[in-house]
Amino acid sequence: MRTVEEVGLEYARGFLQENLAKCTEKQQKIFINMYMTDKMRIEAKKGNWPRLIDVIMSMPLEQMNWAMEQVKNTLDKTGD
């Protein structure tokens, strides 16, 4: 049986994947920059930017609610 945290993470990751796909490339880059791990940031400085899906999958549950709210607000502002 899955935990509430696992179910919550699955839902949040799906929400972010679906809704970030509606964002512009620039908006997606901002998201990546805000939420990439320290290890990803080191690689990005070398020119190896992480994929959006890798950033989403590396995010802890504690960041998900705020990230979902930010993406929702971005889409509300752009009318998507």
Protein backbone atom coordinates (compact mmCIF):
# COMPACT_ATOMS: atom_id res chain seq x y z
CA MET A 1 0.00 0.00 0.00
CA ARG A 2 1.29 3.45 -0.95
CA THR A 3 1.65 6.21 1.59
CA VAL A 4 -0.20 9.51 1.48
CA GLU A 5 3.12 11.19 0.67
CA GLU A 6 3.68 8.92 -2.32
CA VAL A 7 0.19 9.58 -3.66
CA GLY A 8 0.66 13.32 -3.09
CA LEU A 9 3.98 13.32 -4.91
CA GLU A 10 2.51 11.39 -7.83
CA TYR A 11 -0.39 13.84 -8.15
CA ALA A 12 1.86 16.90 -7.83
CA ARG A 13 4.36 15.62 -10.38
CA GLY A 14 1.57 14.91 -12.84
CA PHE A 15 0.09 18.36 -12.29
CA LEU A 16 3.46 20.03 -12.85
CA GLN A 17 4.27 17.99 -15.96
CA GLU A 18 0.87 18.68 -17.51
CA ASN A 19 0.79 22.37 -16.72
CA LEU A 20 4.43 23.22 -17.35
CA ALA A 21 3.94 21.78 -20.84
CA LYS A 22 1.56 24.71 -21.40
CA CYS A 23 4.21 27.24 -20.36
CA THR A 24 6.68 28.93 -22.67
CA GLU A 25 10.24 27.69 -22.91
CA LYS A 26 11.35 30.79 -20.99
CA GLN A 27 8.88 30.07 -18.19
CA GLN A 28 10.05 26.45 -18.06
CA LYS A 29 13.69 27.60 -17.78
CA ILE A 30 12.75 29.87 -14.87
CA PHE A 31 11.08 26.90 -13.16
CA ILE A 32 14.14 24.72 -13.76
CA ASN A 33 16.42 27.41 -12.37
CA MET A 34 14.28 27.81 -9.26
CA TYR A 35 13.89 24.12 -8.44
CA MET A 36 16.98 22.28 -9.69
CA THR A 37 19.10 20.53 -7.10
CA ASP A 38 22.57 21.76 -6.16
CA LYS A 39 24.09 18.93 -8.20
CA MET A 40 21.98 19.94 -11.22
CA ARG A 41 23.07 23.57 -10.72
CA ILE A 42 26.74 22.57 -10.88
CA GLU A 43 26.10 20.75 -14.16
CA ALA A 44 24.06 23.69 -15.50
CA LYS A 45 27.04 25.99 -14.90
CA LYS A 46 29.00 23.65 -17.16
CA GLY A 47 26.33 24.08 -19.83
CA ASN A 48 24.44 20.85 -19.09
CA TRP A 49 20.98 22.10 -18.14
CA PRO A 50 18.73 19.46 -16.58
CA ARG A 51 15.57 18.35 -18.29
CA LEU A 52 12.33 19.67 -16.87
CA ILE A 53 11.14 16.16 -15.99
CA ASP A 54 14.35 15.49 -14.04
CA VAL A 55 13.83 18.62 -11.97
CA ILE A 56 10.20 17.71 -11.28
CA MET A 57 11.13 14.17 -10.27
CA SER A 58 13.86 15.41 -7.91
CA MET A 59 11.61 17.84 -6.03
CA PRO A 60 10.68 16.97 -2.45
CA LEU A 61 7.08 17.00 -1.34
CA GLU A 62 7.71 20.15 0.70
CA GLN A 63 8.27 22.19 -2.49
CA MET A 64 5.34 20.85 -4.46
CA ASN A 65 2.48 22.98 -3.12
CA TRP A 66 4.30 26.25 -3.74
CA ALA A 67 5.51 25.12 -7.16
CA MET A 68 2.00 24.10 -8.19
CA GLU A 69 0.67 27.48 -7.05
CA GLN A 70 3.35 29.31 -9.02
CA VAL A 71 2.61 27.36 -12.20
CA LYS A 72 -1.13 27.89 -11.79
CA ASN A 73 -0.62 31.64 -11.31
CA THR A 74 1.63 31.81 -14.36
CA LEU A 75 -0.98 30.11 -16.52
CA ASP A 76 -3.76 32.30 -15.09
CA LYS A 77 -1.76 35.40 -16.08
CA THR A 78 -1.19 34.14 -19.63
CA GLY A 79 -4.76 32.93 -20.08
CA ASP A 80 -3.98 29.23 -20.61
